[in-house]
């Protein structure tokens, strides 16, 4: 069960903090809430654009979603899946954030928009240009972001986040975390999402979570503010308290 955190009464009103006991509870609750929001969005608008993320928690969430989508083959028409960032590697590589969807999704009602791999286009610039064309005027109804221990989101790392870049997607050519070549949403693109959920579990994320709470602009994650609602969803180990 999520906890009300009285000690954070002065926390930024534009960013809601939700705490779960551990990563399993966090994952289960995020899955349930996300499924409900998608169904409501599809029922009301007939379309829902969702950006997923990588990392251990993001991949586990994606795998759970794919299992659910596959068990309802006639449902989820109008759902579009994107990724806030992607590694520029071969199409069959498990390093790709889209791998759980590309390799396992059987529900043909869902539209998948993956960044092209290095065996589909010659360069990361070509992959970014193709992804930008596919996005066109699209913005996300919900973007889910993992959180790196260094405070990075998507593939926007400290001191290299291109905070003022107003493009939708950019090429990352020197990522401090391999592989070096990646495509990433910009902060501008992320913050045009109707909703953004930042999810984090584990003690390694505690410093970054603290910096978000304190409004420390030394990390890219502290700049995230969705159009309507931004959530920071963490487990106990990721919440730094003194």
Protein backbone atom coordinates (compact mmCIF):
# COMPACT_ATOMS: atom_id res chain seq x y z
CA UNK A 1 0.00 0.00 0.00
CA UNK A 2 1.25 3.49 -0.84
CA UNK A 3 2.15 5.64 2.14
CA UNK A 4 1.25 9.26 2.84
CA UNK A 5 4.50 11.06 3.62
CA UNK A 6 3.80 13.84 6.12
CA UNK A 7 7.47 14.74 6.36
CA UNK A 8 7.30 15.97 2.77
CA UNK A 9 4.43 18.44 3.25
CA UNK A 10 6.61 21.17 1.74
CA UNK A 11 7.53 19.05 -1.25
CA UNK A 12 6.99 20.61 -4.68
CA UNK A 13 3.22 20.66 -5.31
CA UNK A 14 3.87 20.03 -9.01
CA UNK A 15 5.43 16.62 -8.33
CA UNK A 16 3.67 13.91 -6.33
CA UNK A 17 5.69 11.44 -4.30
CA UNK A 18 4.40 7.89 -3.77
CA UNK A 19 6.21 5.35 -1.61
CA UNK A 20 5.91 1.57 -1.77
CA UNK A 21 7.47 -1.01 0.52
CA UNK A 22 9.67 -2.67 -2.07
CA UNK A 23 10.24 -3.05 -5.80
CA UNK A 24 7.73 -5.90 -6.12
CA UNK A 25 4.92 -3.83 -4.63
CA UNK A 26 5.95 -0.82 -6.70
CA UNK A 27 5.94 -2.84 -9.92
CA UNK A 28 2.57 -4.43 -9.18
CA UNK A 29 0.93 -1.10 -8.33
CA UNK A 30 2.40 0.75 -11.30
CA UNK A 31 1.26 -2.06 -13.61
CA UNK A 32 -2.30 -1.91 -12.22
CA UNK A 33 -2.52 1.87 -12.35
CA UNK A 34 -1.01 2.05 -15.82
CA UNK A 35 -3.38 -0.56 -17.21
CA UNK A 36 -6.33 1.39 -15.81
CA UNK A 37 -5.13 4.71 -17.24
CA UNK A 38 -4.58 3.16 -20.69
CA UNK A 39 -8.08 1.65 -20.68
CA UNK A 40 -9.65 4.96 -19.63
CA UNK A 41 -7.69 6.87 -22.27
CA UNK A 42 -8.68 4.47 -25.02
CA UNK A 43 -12.31 4.52 -23.94
CA UNK A 44 -12.49 8.31 -23.87
CA UNK A 45 -10.19 9.31 -26.73
CA UNK A 46 -9.79 6.16 -28.82
CA UNK A 47 -6.02 6.57 -28.79
CA UNK A 48 -3.26 6.47 -26.17
CA UNK A 49 0.44 7.20 -26.70
CA UNK A 50 2.68 5.56 -24.11
CA UNK A 51 6.46 5.92 -23.85
CA UNK A 52 8.18 3.08 -22.03
CA UNK A 53 11.65 2.93 -20.53
CA UNK A 54 14.53 0.52 -20.09
CA UNK A 55 16.53 -0.54 -17.06
CA UNK A 56 15.71 -3.44 -14.77
CA UNK A 57 12.48 -1.99 -13.39
CA UNK A 58 11.36 -0.65 -16.76
CA UNK A 59 12.03 -3.96 -18.50
CA UNK A 60 10.14 -5.90 -15.81
CA UNK A 61 7.20 -3.53 -16.22
CA UNK A 62 7.26 -3.87 -20.00
CA UNK A 63 7.35 -7.66 -19.77
CA UNK A 64 4.31 -7.65 -17.46
CA UNK A 65 2.46 -5.33 -19.84
CA UNK A 66 3.24 -7.50 -22.86
CA UNK A 67 1.92 -10.58 -21.06
CA UNK A 68 -1.32 -8.75 -20.30
CA UNK A 69 -1.68 -7.36 -23.81
CA UNK A 70 -1.11 -10.79 -25.35
CA UNK A 71 -3.82 -12.30 -23.12
CA UNK A 72 -6.38 -9.86 -24.58
CA UNK A 73 -5.75 -10.14 -28.35
CA UNK A 74 -8.84 -8.18 -29.38
CA UNK A 75 -8.27 -5.32 -26.96
CA UNK A 76 -6.09 -2.18 -26.85
CA UNK A 77 -6.86 -0.92 -30.36
CA UNK A 78 -5.53 2.65 -30.52
CA UNK A 79 -2.63 2.03 -28.14
CA UNK A 80 0.70 3.29 -29.48
CA UNK A 81 3.95 2.25 -27.82
CA UNK A 82 7.09 4.40 -28.01
CA UNK A 83 10.37 4.53 -26.09
CA UNK A 84 11.90 7.58 -24.43
CA UNK A 85 15.33 6.31 -25.40
CA UNK A 86 16.92 3.44 -27.25
CA UNK A 87 20.36 1.90 -27.67
CA UNK A 88 21.69 1.89 -31.24
CA UNK A 89 22.56 -1.78 -31.52
CA UNK A 90 21.57 -4.75 -33.70
CA UNK A 91 17.86 -5.53 -34.03
CA UNK A 92 18.10 -8.83 -32.18
CA UNK A 93 20.08 -7.48 -29.25
CA UNK A 94 18.63 -7.88 -25.76
CA UNK A 95 20.22 -4.49 -24.96
CA UNK A 96 17.42 -2.79 -26.85
CA UNK A 97 14.79 -1.28 -24.56
CA UNK A 98 12.12 -2.41 -27.01
CA UNK A 99 13.29 -6.07 -26.93
CA UNK A 100 10.48 -7.39 -24.66
CA UNK A 101 7.88 -5.91 -27.01
CA UNK A 102 9.54 -6.63 -30.36
CA UNK A 103 10.34 -10.22 -29.44
CA UNK A 104 7.18 -11.18 -27.53
CA UNK A 105 4.16 -9.00 -28.43
CA UNK A 106 1.48 -10.93 -30.34
CA UNK A 107 -1.43 -8.48 -29.93
CA UNK A 108 -1.75 -7.00 -33.41
CA UNK A 109 -4.10 -4.23 -32.23
CA UNK A 110 -1.17 -2.36 -30.65
CA UNK A 111 1.00 -0.08 -32.77
CA UNK A 112 4.71 -0.31 -31.96
CA UNK A 113 7.09 2.54 -32.82
CA UNK A 114 10.65 1.36 -32.26
CA UNK A 115 13.84 3.26 -33.04
CA UNK A 116 15.54 1.67 -36.03
CA UNK A 117 18.49 -0.57 -35.24
CA UNK A 118 22.01 -0.41 -36.65
CA UNK A 119 21.25 -3.21 -39.12
CA UNK A 120 18.27 -1.23 -40.44
CA UNK A 121 19.95 2.17 -40.94
CA UNK A 122 23.57 3.21 -41.36
CA UNK A 123 24.00 5.72 -38.52
CA UNK A 124 22.45 6.89 -35.27
CA UNK A 125 21.62 10.17 -37.00
CA UNK A 126 19.57 8.23 -39.55
CA UNK A 127 17.78 6.39 -36.76
CA UNK A 128 16.98 9.64 -34.94
CA UNK A 129 15.74 11.31 -38.12
CA UNK A 130 13.44 8.38 -38.86
CA UNK A 131 12.08 8.37 -35.30
CA UNK A 132 11.48 12.13 -35.44
CA UNK A 133 9.57 11.73 -38.70
CA UNK A 134 7.46 8.98 -37.17
CA UNK A 135 6.71 11.12 -34.12
CA UNK A 136 5.78 14.07 -36.32
CA UNK A 137 3.32 16.10 -34.19
CA UNK A 138 2.73 13.32 -31.63
CA UNK A 139 3.24 13.86 -27.91
CA UNK A 140 2.86 11.26 -25.19
CA UNK A 141 -0.19 10.80 -23.02
CA UNK A 142 2.11 9.15 -20.48
CA UNK A 143 5.89 8.85 -20.36
CA UNK A 144 7.38 6.41 -17.87
CA UNK A 145 11.00 7.08 -16.92
CA UNK A 146 13.52 5.07 -15.00
CA UNK A 147 16.03 6.90 -12.84
CA UNK A 148 19.77 6.32 -12.97
CA UNK A 149 21.89 6.47 -9.81
CA UNK A 150 23.50 9.58 -11.33
CA UNK A 151 20.11 11.21 -11.87
CA UNK A 152 19.84 10.58 -15.59
CA UNK A 153 16.52 9.92 -17.30
CA UNK A 154 16.07 8.44 -20.78
CA UNK A 155 19.62 8.88 -22.15
CA UNK A 156 20.01 12.41 -20.79
CA UNK A 157 23.00 12.33 -18.46
CA UNK A 158 24.33 15.00 -16.08
CA UNK A 159 26.33 17.71 -17.85
CA UNK A 160 25.11 16.44 -21.22
CA UNK A 161 21.32 16.70 -21.01
CA UNK A 162 20.93 19.49 -23.62
CA UNK A 163 18.39 21.11 -21.31
CA UNK A 164 17.44 23.87 -23.75
CA UNK A 165 17.15 21.68 -26.85
CA UNK A 166 13.62 22.05 -28.27
CA UNK A 167 13.80 19.14 -30.68
CA UNK A 168 11.81 16.01 -29.87
CA UNK A 169 14.53 13.40 -30.18
CA UNK A 170 18.31 13.64 -30.36
CA UNK A 171 21.33 11.45 -31.02
CA UNK A 172 23.56 10.63 -28.05
CA UNK A 173 27.00 9.74 -29.34
CA UNK A 174 29.08 9.56 -26.18
CA UNK A 175 26.87 8.07 -23.49
CA UNK A 176 28.89 7.52 -20.29
CA UNK A 177 26.98 4.28 -19.90
CA UNK A 178 27.51 1.80 -22.77
CA UNK A 179 26.54 1.48 -25.48
CA UNK A 180 27.73 4.94 -26.46
CA UNK A 181 25.27 5.46 -29.33
CA UNK A 182 21.65 6.10 -28.38
CA UNK A 183 18.51 7.96 -29.39
CA UNK A 184 16.73 9.94 -26.67
CA UNK A 185 13.71 12.13 -26.12
CA UNK A 186 14.77 15.62 -25.07
CA UNK A 187 13.63 17.20 -21.83
CA UNK A 188 11.34 19.37 -23.94
CA UNK A 189 9.68 16.31 -25.47
CA UNK A 190 9.33 14.57 -22.10
CA UNK A 191 7.82 17.66 -20.49
CA UNK A 192 5.22 17.92 -23.26
CA UNK A 193 3.77 14.62 -22.04
CA UNK A 194 0.38 14.89 -20.37
CA UNK A 195 1.64 12.64 -17.56
CA UNK A 196 5.13 11.59 -16.49
CA UNK A 197 5.92 8.88 -13.95
CA UNK A 198 9.50 8.54 -12.69
CA UNK A 199 9.98 5.12 -11.11
CA UNK A 200 12.92 4.15 -8.91
CA UNK A 201 13.72 1.22 -6.64
CA UNK A 202 16.77 0.27 -4.63
CA UNK A 203 19.33 2.01 -2.45
CA UNK A 204 21.49 2.93 -5.44
CA UNK A 205 18.79 5.42 -6.48
CA UNK A 206 18.50 7.13 -3.07
CA UNK A 207 20.91 9.98 -3.81
CA UNK A 208 19.15 10.85 -7.07
CA UNK A 209 15.72 10.66 -5.41
CA UNK A 210 16.92 13.02 -2.69
CA UNK A 211 18.18 15.49 -5.29
CA UNK A 212 14.81 15.45 -7.05
CA UNK A 213 13.02 16.09 -3.77
CA UNK A 214 15.41 18.93 -2.93
CA UNK A 215 15.10 20.47 -6.40
CA UNK A 216 18.80 19.98 -7.10
CA UNK A 217 19.20 21.00 -10.74
CA UNK A 218 22.55 19.27 -11.09
CA UNK A 219 20.69 16.20 -12.37
CA UNK A 220 18.42 15.99 -15.43
CA UNK A 221 15.63 14.24 -13.49
CA UNK A 222 15.00 17.39 -11.46
CA UNK A 223 13.87 19.19 -14.61
CA UNK A 224 10.99 16.82 -15.32
CA UNK A 225 7.54 18.43 -15.17
CA UNK A 226 4.67 17.06 -17.24
CA UNK A 227 1.89 19.19 -18.66
CA UNK A 228 -0.75 17.89 -16.20
CA UNK A 229 0.78 15.64 -13.56
CA UNK A 230 4.24 14.39 -12.60
CA UNK A 231 4.83 11.52 -10.18
CA UNK A 232 7.94 10.26 -8.41
CA UNK A 233 7.21 6.63 -7.51
CA UNK A 234 9.79 4.95 -5.29
CA UNK A 235 10.31 2.09 -2.88
CA UNK A 236 11.58 2.40 0.67
CA UNK A 237 15.21 1.68 -0.26
CA UNK A 238 15.20 4.48 -2.83
CA UNK A 239 13.84 7.08 -0.43
CA UNK A 240 16.61 8.83 1.43
CA UNK A 241 15.56 10.05 4.86
CA UNK A 242 17.66 11.14 7.80
